[in-house]
N, C-alpha and C. Protein backbone atom coordinates (compact mmCIF):
# COMPACT_ATOMS: atom_id res chain seq x y z
N MET A 1 139.89 11.73 30.15
CA MET A 1 140.29 12.78 29.23
C MET A 1 139.93 12.40 27.81
N LEU A 2 139.64 11.17 27.57
CA LEU A 2 139.31 10.73 26.23
C LEU A 2 138.03 11.40 25.75
N GLY A 3 137.09 11.65 26.65
CA GLY A 3 135.84 12.29 26.27
C GLY A 3 136.06 13.69 25.73
N ALA A 4 136.95 14.44 26.36
CA ALA A 4 137.22 15.80 25.91
C ALA A 4 137.88 15.79 24.53
N LEU A 5 138.77 14.83 24.31
CA LEU A 5 139.43 14.76 23.01
C LEU A 5 138.44 14.37 21.91
N SER A 6 137.55 13.45 22.21
CA SER A 6 136.55 13.05 21.23
C SER A 6 135.60 14.19 20.91
N ALA A 7 135.17 14.90 21.94
CA ALA A 7 134.28 16.04 21.73
C ALA A 7 134.99 17.13 20.94
N GLY A 8 136.26 17.36 21.26
CA GLY A 8 137.03 18.37 20.53
C GLY A 8 137.20 18.01 19.07
N LYS A 9 137.41 16.73 18.79
CA LYS A 9 137.58 16.30 17.40
C LYS A 9 136.29 16.47 16.61
N LYS A 10 135.17 16.09 17.23
CA LYS A 10 133.88 16.24 16.55
C LYS A 10 133.55 17.71 16.32
N ALA A 11 133.83 18.54 17.31
CA ALA A 11 133.58 19.97 17.16
C ALA A 11 134.49 20.57 16.09
N ALA A 12 135.74 20.11 16.04
CA ALA A 12 136.67 20.61 15.04
C ALA A 12 136.22 20.21 13.63
N THR A 13 135.72 19.01 13.49
CA THR A 13 135.21 18.56 12.19
C THR A 13 134.04 19.43 11.75
N TYR A 14 133.13 19.69 12.66
CA TYR A 14 131.99 20.54 12.35
C TYR A 14 132.44 21.96 11.99
N GLY A 15 133.35 22.51 12.79
CA GLY A 15 133.86 23.85 12.54
C GLY A 15 134.60 23.95 11.22
N TYR A 16 135.33 22.90 10.85
CA TYR A 16 136.07 22.90 9.60
C TYR A 16 135.12 22.89 8.41
N LYS A 17 134.07 22.07 8.50
CA LYS A 17 133.11 21.99 7.40
C LYS A 17 132.37 23.32 7.22
N LYS A 18 132.11 24.00 8.32
CA LYS A 18 131.31 25.22 8.25
C LYS A 18 132.16 26.46 7.97
N TYR A 19 133.33 26.59 8.63
CA TYR A 19 134.11 27.82 8.55
C TYR A 19 135.57 27.64 8.12
N GLY A 20 135.99 26.44 7.82
CA GLY A 20 137.36 26.23 7.39
C GLY A 20 138.30 26.02 8.58
N VAL A 21 139.56 26.28 8.38
CA VAL A 21 140.57 26.03 9.40
C VAL A 21 140.35 26.88 10.66
N PRO A 22 140.07 28.17 10.55
CA PRO A 22 139.84 28.94 11.78
C PRO A 22 138.65 28.40 12.58
N GLY A 23 137.63 27.99 11.91
CA GLY A 23 136.46 27.42 12.60
C GLY A 23 136.80 26.12 13.29
N ALA A 24 137.67 25.32 12.67
CA ALA A 24 138.09 24.06 13.28
C ALA A 24 138.87 24.30 14.55
N VAL A 25 139.74 25.27 14.53
CA VAL A 25 140.56 25.57 15.72
C VAL A 25 139.68 26.07 16.86
N VAL A 26 138.81 27.01 16.57
CA VAL A 26 137.97 27.60 17.61
C VAL A 26 136.98 26.58 18.15
N ALA A 27 136.30 25.87 17.26
CA ALA A 27 135.29 24.91 17.70
C ALA A 27 135.92 23.73 18.43
N GLY A 28 137.05 23.24 17.95
CA GLY A 28 137.72 22.12 18.59
C GLY A 28 138.20 22.47 19.98
N THR A 29 138.81 23.63 20.10
CA THR A 29 139.29 24.08 21.41
C THR A 29 138.12 24.32 22.36
N GLY A 30 137.11 24.99 21.86
CA GLY A 30 135.94 25.27 22.70
C GLY A 30 135.23 24.01 23.13
N GLY A 31 135.12 23.04 22.25
CA GLY A 31 134.46 21.78 22.61
C GLY A 31 135.23 21.01 23.67
N ALA A 32 136.54 20.93 23.51
CA ALA A 32 137.36 20.20 24.48
C ALA A 32 137.36 20.89 25.85
N VAL A 33 137.52 22.20 25.85
CA VAL A 33 137.54 22.95 27.10
C VAL A 33 136.17 22.89 27.78
N GLY A 34 135.12 22.95 26.99
CA GLY A 34 133.77 22.88 27.55
C GLY A 34 133.50 21.58 28.26
N VAL A 35 133.96 20.47 27.69
CA VAL A 35 133.76 19.17 28.33
C VAL A 35 134.54 19.10 29.64
N VAL A 36 135.76 19.58 29.65
CA VAL A 36 136.59 19.56 30.86
C VAL A 36 135.94 20.40 31.96
N VAL A 37 135.46 21.59 31.61
CA VAL A 37 134.83 22.46 32.60
C VAL A 37 133.55 21.83 33.14
N ALA A 38 132.77 21.22 32.27
CA ALA A 38 131.54 20.58 32.71
C ALA A 38 131.82 19.41 33.65
N LYS A 39 132.85 18.64 33.35
CA LYS A 39 133.20 17.52 34.22
C LYS A 39 133.66 18.00 35.59
N LYS A 40 134.48 19.05 35.61
CA LYS A 40 134.95 19.58 36.90
C LYS A 40 133.80 20.15 37.70
N GLY A 41 132.88 20.82 37.03
CA GLY A 41 131.71 21.36 37.72
C GLY A 41 130.84 20.27 38.31
N ALA A 42 130.66 19.20 37.55
CA ALA A 42 129.85 18.09 38.04
C ALA A 42 130.52 17.42 39.24
N LYS A 43 131.83 17.25 39.18
CA LYS A 43 132.55 16.65 40.30
C LYS A 43 132.43 17.51 41.55
N ALA A 44 132.56 18.81 41.40
CA ALA A 44 132.47 19.72 42.54
C ALA A 44 131.07 19.68 43.14
N LEU A 45 130.06 19.61 42.28
CA LEU A 45 128.68 19.56 42.77
C LEU A 45 128.42 18.27 43.54
N VAL A 46 128.89 17.16 43.01
CA VAL A 46 128.70 15.87 43.69
C VAL A 46 129.45 15.85 45.01
N LYS A 47 130.66 16.41 45.02
CA LYS A 47 131.45 16.44 46.24
C LYS A 47 130.77 17.29 47.31
N SER A 48 130.23 18.44 46.93
CA SER A 48 129.57 19.30 47.91
C SER A 48 128.30 18.64 48.44
N LYS A 49 127.56 17.95 47.59
CA LYS A 49 126.36 17.24 48.05
C LYS A 49 126.74 16.12 49.01
N ALA A 50 127.83 15.41 48.73
CA ALA A 50 128.28 14.33 49.60
C ALA A 50 128.71 14.88 50.96
N GLU A 51 129.37 16.03 50.97
CA GLU A 51 129.78 16.65 52.23
C GLU A 51 128.56 17.11 53.03
N ASP A 52 127.54 17.63 52.34
CA ASP A 52 126.32 18.06 53.02
C ASP A 52 125.62 16.87 53.68
N VAL A 53 125.55 15.75 52.96
CA VAL A 53 124.91 14.56 53.52
C VAL A 53 125.70 14.05 54.71
N ALA A 54 127.02 14.05 54.61
CA ALA A 54 127.86 13.57 55.71
C ALA A 54 127.70 14.47 56.94
N SER A 55 127.62 15.77 56.73
CA SER A 55 127.47 16.67 57.87
C SER A 55 126.07 16.56 58.47
N ASP A 56 125.05 16.29 57.64
CA ASP A 56 123.70 16.10 58.16
C ASP A 56 123.62 14.84 59.00
N GLU A 57 124.25 13.77 58.56
CA GLU A 57 124.25 12.53 59.32
C GLU A 57 124.99 12.70 60.64
N GLU A 58 126.06 13.45 60.61
CA GLU A 58 126.85 13.69 61.82
C GLU A 58 126.06 14.54 62.80
N GLY A 59 125.36 15.55 62.32
CA GLY A 59 124.60 16.44 63.18
C GLY A 59 123.29 15.85 63.67
N SER A 60 122.77 14.81 63.02
CA SER A 60 121.49 14.25 63.43
C SER A 60 121.60 13.44 64.71
N ASN A 61 122.79 13.10 65.13
CA ASN A 61 122.97 12.35 66.36
C ASN A 61 122.87 13.24 67.59
N ASP A 62 123.00 14.55 67.41
CA ASP A 62 122.90 15.49 68.52
C ASP A 62 121.44 15.68 68.91
N VAL A 63 121.21 15.92 70.19
CA VAL A 63 119.86 16.16 70.68
C VAL A 63 119.62 17.67 70.63
N GLU A 64 118.54 18.06 69.92
CA GLU A 64 118.22 19.47 69.82
C GLU A 64 117.17 19.83 70.85
N THR A 65 117.25 21.04 71.38
CA THR A 65 116.26 21.51 72.34
C THR A 65 115.37 22.51 71.65
N GLY A 66 114.09 22.52 71.98
CA GLY A 66 113.15 23.44 71.37
C GLY A 66 112.66 22.91 70.04
N SER A 67 111.66 23.58 69.50
CA SER A 67 111.10 23.16 68.23
C SER A 67 111.33 24.26 67.21
N SER A 68 111.99 23.93 66.14
CA SER A 68 112.26 24.92 65.11
C SER A 68 111.13 24.95 64.09
N SER A 69 110.15 24.06 64.19
CA SER A 69 109.07 24.03 63.21
C SER A 69 107.94 24.99 63.57
N GLU A 70 107.97 25.56 64.76
CA GLU A 70 106.93 26.50 65.14
C GLU A 70 107.18 27.85 64.48
N THR A 71 106.10 28.47 64.03
CA THR A 71 106.23 29.79 63.44
C THR A 71 105.33 30.76 64.19
N HIS A 72 105.71 32.00 64.17
CA HIS A 72 104.96 33.03 64.86
C HIS A 72 104.62 34.12 63.85
N ASP A 73 103.34 34.45 63.72
CA ASP A 73 102.90 35.42 62.73
C ASP A 73 102.51 36.71 63.44
N ASP A 74 103.31 37.76 63.28
CA ASP A 74 103.02 39.04 63.90
C ASP A 74 102.11 39.91 63.04
N SER A 75 101.86 39.52 61.81
CA SER A 75 101.08 40.36 60.92
C SER A 75 99.60 40.39 61.28
N ALA A 76 99.12 39.47 62.11
CA ALA A 76 97.71 39.43 62.46
C ALA A 76 97.31 40.64 63.30
N GLY A 77 98.18 41.19 64.09
CA GLY A 77 97.87 42.31 64.95
C GLY A 77 98.01 43.66 64.26
N LEU A 78 98.41 43.70 63.01
CA LEU A 78 98.66 44.95 62.33
C LEU A 78 97.40 45.55 61.69
N GLU A 79 96.32 44.84 61.67
CA GLU A 79 95.11 45.33 60.98
C GLU A 79 94.37 46.36 61.74
């Protein structure tokens, strides 16, 4: 959480210099909330990727029948 507070403080300083007290409040709040949202999004993305890898490893032990790499093109007979 220290990262969000540091980002909020820096954003508040910038907002204060540019727009005064209202700018400090808006920029500081927006900076802190933005960091928190970005961290949660990154965690969710990493977690979903880890679950995908785990499910792929689990499914790779099963024996599949047939070939899914074969393709069939029906457009050749349409001419």
